[in-house]
Amino acid sequence: MMSRWQDRRALTVSGAALVAALSLALVAGCSGGTGGGLYGPRVAPPQNEEEVPGLGTVEVIAEGLEVPWSVALVPADNTGDEGSEDFTALVSERDTARILEIEGGANSDRTTREVARIDGVTPRGEGGLLGIAVHEGYLYAYFTAADGNRVERFALEGDPGELTLGDPQVIIDEIPAAGNHNGGRIAFGPDGMLYVTAGDAGDAGLAQDPDSLAGKILRLTPEGDVPPDNPSNGSPVFTLGHRNPQGIAWASDGTMIASEFGQNTWDELNVIDAGNNYGWPEVEGIGDEVGFVDPVQQWATSEASPSGIATAGDTVFVANLRGERLRAVPLADLGTSTEYFVGENGRLRDVVVAPDGALWVLTNNTDGRGSPRDGDDRILRIELEGE
């Protein structure tokens, strides 16, 4: 059965043609298979505190959340004007399928209210309502449905404190789903395109199958069409060879960064370029194999499980689940990092940068793998120093 994106967009290239196109991109962009040559060391790093901002005051913004997964920020006037420091945060909850609203400005009372429950969400294991993003008056949501993972969008209606959602519009569907490895992070890049991380759904071989949406990073227009400048005509596949990517962000120069869960040995931080193959399941971590792009940094799985990431100035911040820490990686040297709050707040699922420059960090101790504490789960606001 053809998936909806294949049927709607009349895919005209065969799997072999897509492999060829991606191979050409690899040869042009990364001969020799080294993904981080421009960015210094690619192995787990010494600490490098001088090149990243310090972290200051920590404030609890919200508590009592149920398996929260993603945070997206809405300008206070809901017009897309990112210049204002007044804003509203939307939060997804994986198992309840709720979208919550929290006013985030300095003078707000931080009240949490339910905006909506997303119809069609079928929670199972790590699946459910996952990543959300806001773009030009729409809320985009990635979730697990009965027939697989999908992305839908909803018009954001009303004023902050009274937001509602319009009718759903399917952007992409039938992304393979399972009890784990669902990917699920979505974000808009500086090119205005929607990027979607899809895990291998527990079937590692799908990550190398160009005809499958699993184990890929996908790129679509805001309406769900395939951009004409994607690596292969008619295909939403932007990169392949991923196991379970859960974080994407961009530097000010347009460099795309992604975090990825490994299996038993190495978790990864990758620089993402169109058409590249990141190796899974043939390679986990740095393999130095021709045809595959190596991570710019890797960590032992016991110290990482990197999920959401965000860029603030010249630094990438990485929220870690099993590692229970926030990492700061300087963009000038992506092979080094500094660790904060190790073990202090439990599992960390997402991090975003608010308009006032502070970090909002989402804990994830109620997801069945953590040890919930009083008040979990919470959103923490963390001030940056030295930015």
Protein backbone atom coordinates (compact mmCIF):
# COMPACT_ATOMS: atom_id res chain seq x y z
CA MET A 1 0.00 0.00 0.00
CA MET A 2 1.33 3.40 -0.93
CA SER A 3 1.70 5.90 1.86
CA ARG A 4 -0.20 9.17 1.57
CA TRP A 5 2.84 11.23 0.60
CA GLN A 6 3.62 8.83 -2.24
CA ASP A 7 0.06 8.84 -3.52
CA ARG A 8 -0.54 12.60 -3.14
CA ARG A 9 2.72 13.69 -4.71
CA ALA A 10 2.92 11.05 -7.47
CA LEU A 11 6.42 9.89 -6.59
CA THR A 12 8.28 9.32 -9.82
CA VAL A 13 11.69 8.05 -8.71
CA SER A 14 12.52 4.48 -7.84
CA GLY A 15 14.41 3.42 -4.72
CA ALA A 16 17.50 2.87 -6.82
CA ALA A 17 17.31 6.39 -8.20
CA LEU A 18 16.99 7.84 -4.72
CA VAL A 19 19.99 5.85 -3.53
CA ALA A 20 21.95 7.22 -6.47
CA ALA A 21 20.92 10.78 -5.70
CA LEU A 22 21.86 10.45 -2.05
CA SER A 23 25.15 8.82 -2.98
CA LEU A 24 26.02 11.73 -5.26
CA ALA A 25 25.28 14.13 -2.41
CA LEU A 26 27.58 12.15 -0.14
CA VAL A 27 30.41 12.17 -2.64
CA ALA A 28 30.03 15.90 -3.22
CA GLY A 29 29.71 16.87 0.41
CA CYS A 30 31.64 14.38 2.52
CA SER A 31 34.06 12.17 0.64
CA GLY A 32 35.79 9.79 3.02
CA GLY A 33 32.83 9.66 5.38
CA THR A 34 34.02 12.16 7.97
CA GLY A 35 31.21 14.35 9.21
CA GLY A 36 32.97 16.73 11.52
CA GLY A 37 36.28 17.78 9.99
CA LEU A 38 35.38 21.48 10.00
CA TYR A 39 34.26 21.37 13.59
CA GLY A 40 37.23 19.90 15.43
CA PRO A 41 37.26 16.69 17.51
CA ARG A 42 34.42 14.24 17.01
CA VAL A 43 34.81 12.16 20.20
CA ALA A 44 33.39 12.57 23.69
CA PRO A 45 35.10 15.70 24.92
CA PRO A 46 37.02 17.31 27.70
CA GLN A 47 34.97 19.94 29.51
CA ASN A 48 35.19 23.39 27.94
CA GLU A 49 33.53 25.89 30.24
CA GLU A 50 35.24 28.97 28.83
CA GLU A 51 33.45 28.83 25.49
CA VAL A 52 29.86 28.48 26.71
CA PRO A 53 27.67 30.80 28.79
CA GLY A 54 27.18 30.09 32.46
CA LEU A 55 23.76 29.23 33.82
CA GLY A 56 22.15 31.41 36.47
CA THR A 57 18.89 31.46 38.41
CA VAL A 58 16.54 28.48 38.07
CA GLU A 59 12.80 29.11 38.40
CA VAL A 60 9.94 26.59 38.26
CA ILE A 61 7.48 27.81 35.62
CA ALA A 62 4.97 24.96 35.80
CA GLU A 63 4.60 21.65 37.62
CA GLY A 64 2.32 18.65 37.78
CA LEU A 65 2.62 17.93 34.03
CA GLU A 66 1.91 14.40 32.77
CA VAL A 67 4.63 13.01 30.49
CA PRO A 68 5.30 16.33 28.73
CA TRP A 69 7.25 16.01 25.49
CA SER A 70 7.68 19.29 23.63
CA VAL A 71 7.46 23.07 24.10
CA ALA A 72 6.61 25.58 21.35
CA LEU A 73 6.46 29.35 21.81
CA VAL A 74 3.71 31.63 20.48
CA PRO A 75 4.20 35.43 20.29
CA ALA A 76 1.79 37.25 22.60
CA ASP A 77 -0.25 38.71 19.73
CA ASN A 78 -0.27 35.41 17.79
CA THR A 79 1.01 37.20 14.67
CA GLY A 80 4.44 35.59 14.40
CA ASP A 81 6.29 38.72 15.61
CA GLU A 82 9.28 37.24 17.40
CA GLY A 83 10.61 40.62 18.51
CA SER A 84 8.42 40.82 21.60
CA GLU A 85 9.47 39.35 24.94
CA ASP A 86 5.82 38.59 25.74
CA PHE A 87 4.81 35.12 24.63
CA THR A 88 2.78 32.04 25.41
CA ALA A 89 4.21 28.52 25.63
CA LEU A 90 2.36 25.49 24.30
CA VAL A 91 3.26 22.10 25.77
CA SER A 92 2.40 18.62 24.49
CA GLU A 93 1.68 15.70 26.83
CA ARG A 94 2.49 12.31 25.30
CA ASP A 95 -0.13 10.06 26.88
CA THR A 96 -3.03 12.45 27.60
CA ALA A 97 -2.80 13.99 24.08
CA ARG A 98 -3.29 17.39 25.69
CA ILE A 99 -1.96 20.71 24.43
CA LEU A 100 -1.43 23.03 27.39
CA GLU A 101 -0.96 26.80 27.37
CA ILE A 102 1.28 28.70 29.80
CA GLU A 103 1.72 32.46 29.60
CA GLY A 104 5.44 33.15 29.62
CA GLY A 105 5.98 36.91 29.82
CA ALA A 106 7.70 38.52 32.78
CA ASN A 107 4.42 39.86 34.17
CA SER A 108 2.31 36.75 33.58
CA ASP A 109 0.89 34.59 36.38
CA ARG A 110 2.16 31.35 34.75
CA THR A 111 -1.33 29.86 34.77
CA THR A 112 -1.59 26.49 32.98
CA ARG A 113 -4.73 25.74 30.99
CA GLU A 114 -5.78 23.04 28.55
CA VAL A 115 -6.14 24.25 24.97
CA ALA A 116 -7.28 20.97 23.42
CA ARG A 117 -6.85 17.21 23.24
CA ILE A 118 -5.62 16.05 19.86
CA ASP A 119 -8.03 13.55 18.32
CA GLY A 120 -6.64 10.30 16.95
CA VAL A 121 -3.61 10.03 19.24
CA THR A 122 -2.92 6.37 20.14
CA PRO A 123 -0.34 6.28 22.94
CA ARG A 124 1.81 3.15 23.11
CA GLY A 125 5.20 2.85 24.74
CA GLU A 126 7.23 5.84 23.58
CA GLY A 127 4.54 6.80 21.08
CA GLY A 128 1.74 9.32 21.55
CA LEU A 129 1.59 13.10 21.17
CA LEU A 130 5.22 14.06 20.65
CA GLY A 131 6.77 17.13 19.00
CA ILE A 132 4.99 20.41 18.34
CA ALA A 133 5.97 23.55 16.46
CA VAL A 134 4.33 26.92 15.75
CA HIS A 135 4.60 28.58 12.34
CA GLU A 136 2.66 31.47 10.82
CA GLY A 137 -0.45 31.07 12.94
CA TYR A 138 -0.57 27.26 12.92
CA LEU A 139 0.27 24.63 15.52
CA TYR A 140 1.96 21.58 13.99
CA ALA A 141 1.85 18.31 15.95
CA TYR A 142 3.61 14.97 15.43
CA PHE A 143 1.76 12.04 16.95
CA THR A 144 1.23 8.30 16.88
CA ALA A 145 -2.10 7.28 15.34
CA ALA A 146 -3.63 3.87 14.70
CA ASP A 147 -2.05 3.69 11.22
CA GLY A 148 1.38 5.10 12.09
CA ASN A 149 3.01 8.38 13.00
CA ARG A 150 1.80 11.56 11.34
CA VAL A 151 2.02 15.35 11.39
CA GLU A 152 -1.12 17.48 11.41
CA ARG A 153 -1.55 21.22 11.68
CA PHE A 154 -4.25 23.32 13.33
CA ALA A 155 -5.00 27.02 12.99
CA LEU A 156 -4.24 28.83 16.26
CA GLU A 157 -7.30 30.91 17.05
CA GLY A 158 -8.01 33.45 19.78
CA ASP A 159 -5.78 35.44 22.09
CA PRO A 160 -3.19 34.16 24.57
CA GLY A 161 -4.95 32.76 27.60
CA GLU A 162 -7.89 31.79 25.39
CA LEU A 163 -6.22 29.96 22.49
CA THR A 164 -8.17 27.31 20.60
CA LEU A 165 -7.33 25.02 17.69
CA GLY A 166 -9.01 24.88 14.30
CA ASP A 167 -9.75 21.75 12.30
CA PRO A 168 -6.86 19.36 11.60
CA GLN A 169 -5.05 19.28 8.26
CA VAL A 170 -2.83 16.27 7.53
CA ILE A 171 0.70 17.27 6.52
CA ILE A 172 2.23 13.78 6.28
CA ASP A 173 1.08 10.39 7.52
CA GLU A 174 1.94 6.68 7.58
CA ILE A 175 5.38 7.23 9.05
CA PRO A 176 6.19 3.80 10.56
CA ALA A 177 5.41 3.64 14.29
CA ALA A 178 6.20 1.24 17.11
CA GLY A 179 6.42 1.10 20.88
CA ASN A 180 9.79 2.81 20.63
CA HIS A 181 12.06 4.64 18.16
CA ASN A 182 9.38 7.02 16.89
CA GLY A 183 11.62 10.08 16.54
CA GLY A 184 9.01 12.81 16.78
CA ARG A 185 10.76 16.18 16.83
CA ILE A 186 9.53 18.79 14.35
CA ALA A 187 10.87 22.28 13.67
CA PHE A 188 10.95 24.93 10.98
CA GLY A 189 14.33 25.75 9.53
CA PRO A 190 15.66 29.14 8.44
CA ASP A 191 14.52 28.22 4.91
CA GLY A 192 10.90 28.13 6.08
CA MET A 193 10.64 24.38 5.53
CA LEU A 194 9.28 21.85 8.03
CA TYR A 195 11.79 19.26 9.25
CA VAL A 196 10.54 16.02 10.83
CA THR A 197 12.62 13.39 12.65
CA ALA A 198 11.42 9.81 12.16
CA GLY A 199 12.88 6.87 14.08
CA ASP A 200 13.43 3.40 12.67
CA ALA A 201 10.33 2.08 14.54
CA GLY A 202 12.35 -0.83 15.90
CA ASP A 203 13.21 -2.13 12.42
CA ALA A 204 16.81 -1.06 11.89
CA GLY A 205 16.91 -2.01 8.22
CA LEU A 206 14.31 0.63 7.35
CA ALA A 207 16.84 3.37 8.11
CA GLN A 208 18.76 2.42 4.94
CA ASP A 209 15.64 1.84 2.81
CA PRO A 210 15.09 4.96 0.67
CA ASP A 211 11.46 3.98 0.06
CA SER A 212 10.63 4.00 3.78
CA LEU A 213 10.01 7.12 5.86
CA ALA A 214 11.47 5.40 8.94
CA GLY A 215 14.97 6.24 10.19
CA LYS A 216 15.02 9.53 8.30
CA ILE A 217 14.92 13.28 8.65
CA LEU A 218 12.16 14.54 6.38
CA ARG A 219 11.76 17.98 4.77
CA LEU A 220 8.41 19.40 3.66
CA THR A 221 6.78 22.70 2.82
CA PRO A 222 4.45 24.11 5.51
CA GLU A 223 1.52 22.71 3.49
CA GLY A 224 3.02 19.21 3.32
CA ASP A 225 4.35 19.23 -0.24
CA VAL A 226 7.80 18.01 -1.20
CA PRO A 227 10.17 20.96 -1.87
CA PRO A 228 11.60 20.88 -5.39
CA ASP A 229 15.16 21.17 -4.06
CA ASN A 230 15.01 18.05 -1.87
CA PRO A 231 17.78 15.52 -2.60
CA SER A 232 15.51 13.40 -4.80
CA ASN A 233 12.53 14.53 -6.86
CA GLY A 234 9.21 13.77 -5.18
CA SER A 235 10.64 12.37 -1.95
CA PRO A 236 10.42 14.03 1.49
CA VAL A 237 13.60 12.22 2.59
CA PHE A 238 16.27 14.76 3.47
CA THR A 239 18.78 12.43 5.17
CA LEU A 240 18.81 8.72 6.02
CA GLY A 241 20.59 6.24 8.27
CA HIS A 242 19.10 7.42 11.58
CA ARG A 243 18.09 5.25 14.55
CA ASN A 244 16.03 7.60 16.73
CA PRO A 245 16.76 11.30 16.15
CA GLN A 246 14.91 13.53 18.64
CA GLY A 247 16.48 16.98 18.46
CA ILE A 248 17.01 19.49 15.63
CA ALA A 249 18.20 23.10 15.68
CA TRP A 250 20.11 25.59 13.54
CA ALA A 251 23.06 27.89 14.09
CA SER A 252 22.82 31.51 12.97
CA ASP A 253 24.78 30.65 9.80
CA GLY A 254 22.19 28.01 8.85
CA THR A 255 24.14 24.94 9.99
CA MET A 256 21.67 22.23 11.02
CA ILE A 257 22.41 20.15 14.12
CA ALA A 258 20.62 16.98 15.26
CA SER A 259 20.81 14.73 18.32
CA GLU A 260 20.27 10.98 18.04
CA PHE A 261 19.85 8.01 20.35
CA GLY A 262 22.30 5.18 19.73
CA GLN A 263 21.70 1.57 20.71
CA ASN A 264 24.06 0.28 23.41
CA THR A 265 27.29 2.18 22.86
CA TRP A 266 27.14 5.72 21.47
CA ASP A 267 24.62 8.54 21.31
CA GLU A 268 25.34 11.20 18.72
CA LEU A 269 25.42 14.88 17.79
CA ASN A 270 25.40 15.31 14.01
CA VAL A 271 25.79 18.12 11.52
CA ILE A 272 23.00 17.58 9.00
CA ASP A 273 23.44 18.15 5.27
CA ALA A 274 21.02 17.26 2.48
CA GLY A 275 21.37 13.74 1.12
CA ASN A 276 23.81 12.47 3.72
CA ASN A 277 23.69 8.93 5.14
CA TYR A 278 24.42 8.81 8.90
CA GLY A 279 25.13 5.11 8.98
CA TRP A 280 22.59 3.32 11.15
CA PRO A 281 22.46 0.32 11.48
CA GLU A 282 25.80 -0.26 9.76
CA VAL A 283 27.56 2.20 12.06
CA GLU A 284 26.85 3.42 15.59
CA GLY A 285 28.86 6.48 16.58
CA ILE A 286 32.14 7.25 14.84
CA GLY A 287 32.96 4.54 12.33
CA ASP A 288 35.25 6.27 9.81
CA GLU A 289 33.59 4.31 7.02
CA VAL A 290 33.37 5.64 3.49
CA GLY A 291 29.81 6.49 2.48
CA PHE A 292 28.61 7.29 6.01
CA VAL A 293 28.84 10.59 7.88
CA ASP A 294 30.27 10.43 11.39
CA PRO A 295 28.91 12.42 14.34
CA VAL A 296 30.78 15.52 15.45
CA GLN A 297 30.44 14.32 19.02
CA GLN A 298 29.46 11.06 20.69
CA TRP A 299 28.59 10.11 24.26
CA ALA A 300 28.17 6.85 26.15
CA THR A 301 24.46 5.99 26.20
CA SER A 302 24.50 5.86 30.01
CA GLU A 303 25.50 9.54 30.10
CA ALA A 304 23.25 10.93 27.40
CA SER A 305 20.05 9.82 25.59
CA PRO A 306 19.92 13.26 23.97
CA SER A 307 16.44 14.51 23.12
CA GLY A 308 15.46 18.14 22.43
CA ILE A 309 18.13 20.68 21.51
CA ALA A 310 18.20 24.46 21.03
CA THR A 311 20.74 27.08 19.97
CA ALA A 312 21.30 30.19 22.08
CA GLY A 313 23.86 32.56 20.60
CA ASP A 314 26.97 30.51 19.90
CA THR A 315 25.92 27.47 21.96
CA VAL A 316 23.84 24.34 21.39
CA PHE A 317 22.01 23.15 24.51
CA VAL A 318 21.09 19.45 24.67
CA ALA A 319 18.48 17.96 27.04
CA ASN A 320 19.42 14.42 28.13
CA LEU A 321 17.08 11.75 29.46
CA ARG A 322 19.07 8.81 30.82
CA GLY A 323 22.07 11.09 31.43
CA GLU A 324 19.89 13.47 33.51
CA ARG A 325 21.89 16.54 32.53
CA LEU A 326 21.89 19.62 30.32
CA ARG A 327 24.84 19.87 27.96
CA ALA A 328 26.20 23.03 26.37
CA VAL A 329 28.14 22.57 23.13
CA PRO A 330 29.97 25.58 21.61
CA LEU A 331 29.25 25.97 17.92
CA ALA A 332 32.86 27.00 17.39
CA ASP A 333 34.00 23.56 18.59
CA LEU A 334 31.26 20.96 18.29
CA GLY A 335 33.53 18.25 19.69
CA THR A 336 33.50 19.69 23.22
CA SER A 337 30.82 20.23 25.84
CA THR A 338 30.03 21.35 29.37
CA GLU A 339 27.56 19.59 31.67
CA TYR A 340 25.06 21.19 34.06
CA PHE A 341 22.61 19.95 36.72
CA VAL A 342 23.82 16.33 36.56
CA GLY A 343 21.21 14.26 38.40
CA GLU A 344 19.58 17.32 39.96
CA ASN A 345 16.30 17.39 38.02
CA GLY A 346 16.07 13.87 36.65
CA ARG A 347 15.33 13.17 33.00
CA LEU A 348 15.28 16.17 30.64
CA ARG A 349 13.20 15.93 27.46
CA ASP A 350 13.25 19.33 25.76
CA VAL A 351 14.90 22.74 25.84
CA VAL A 352 13.86 25.94 24.06
CA VAL A 353 15.07 29.53 24.11
CA ALA A 354 12.50 32.11 25.21
CA PRO A 355 12.36 35.61 23.66
CA ASP A 356 14.04 37.06 26.78
CA GLY A 357 17.03 34.76 26.22
CA ALA A 358 16.32 32.36 29.07
CA LEU A 359 16.14 28.59 28.61
CA TRP A 360 12.92 26.68 29.24
CA VAL A 361 13.75 23.06 30.11
CA LEU A 362 11.19 20.27 30.29
CA THR A 363 11.66 17.41 32.79
CA ASN A 364 10.39 13.94 31.92
CA ASN A 365 10.32 11.82 35.07
CA THR A 366 6.71 10.58 34.67
CA ASP A 367 7.38 8.77 31.37
CA GLY A 368 7.71 5.33 32.98
CA ARG A 369 11.49 5.32 32.98
CA GLY A 370 12.20 8.00 35.55
CA SER A 371 11.69 8.39 39.29
CA PRO A 372 9.04 11.09 39.75
CA ARG A 373 9.64 13.66 42.47
CA ASP A 374 7.23 16.03 44.15
CA GLY A 375 5.92 18.43 41.52
CA ASP A 376 7.00 16.39 38.49
CA ASP A 377 6.91 16.94 35.72
CA ARG A 378 8.04 20.55 35.56
CA ILE A 379 9.18 23.34 33.26
CA LEU A 380 12.30 25.09 34.51
CA ARG A 381 13.33 28.58 33.46
CA ILE A 382 17.12 29.02 33.52
CA GLU A 383 18.83 32.35 32.98
CA LEU A 384 21.96 32.50 30.84
CA GLU A 385 25.02 34.40 32.00
CA GLY A 386 27.70 35.78 29.74
CA GLU A 387 25.71 35.71 26.51
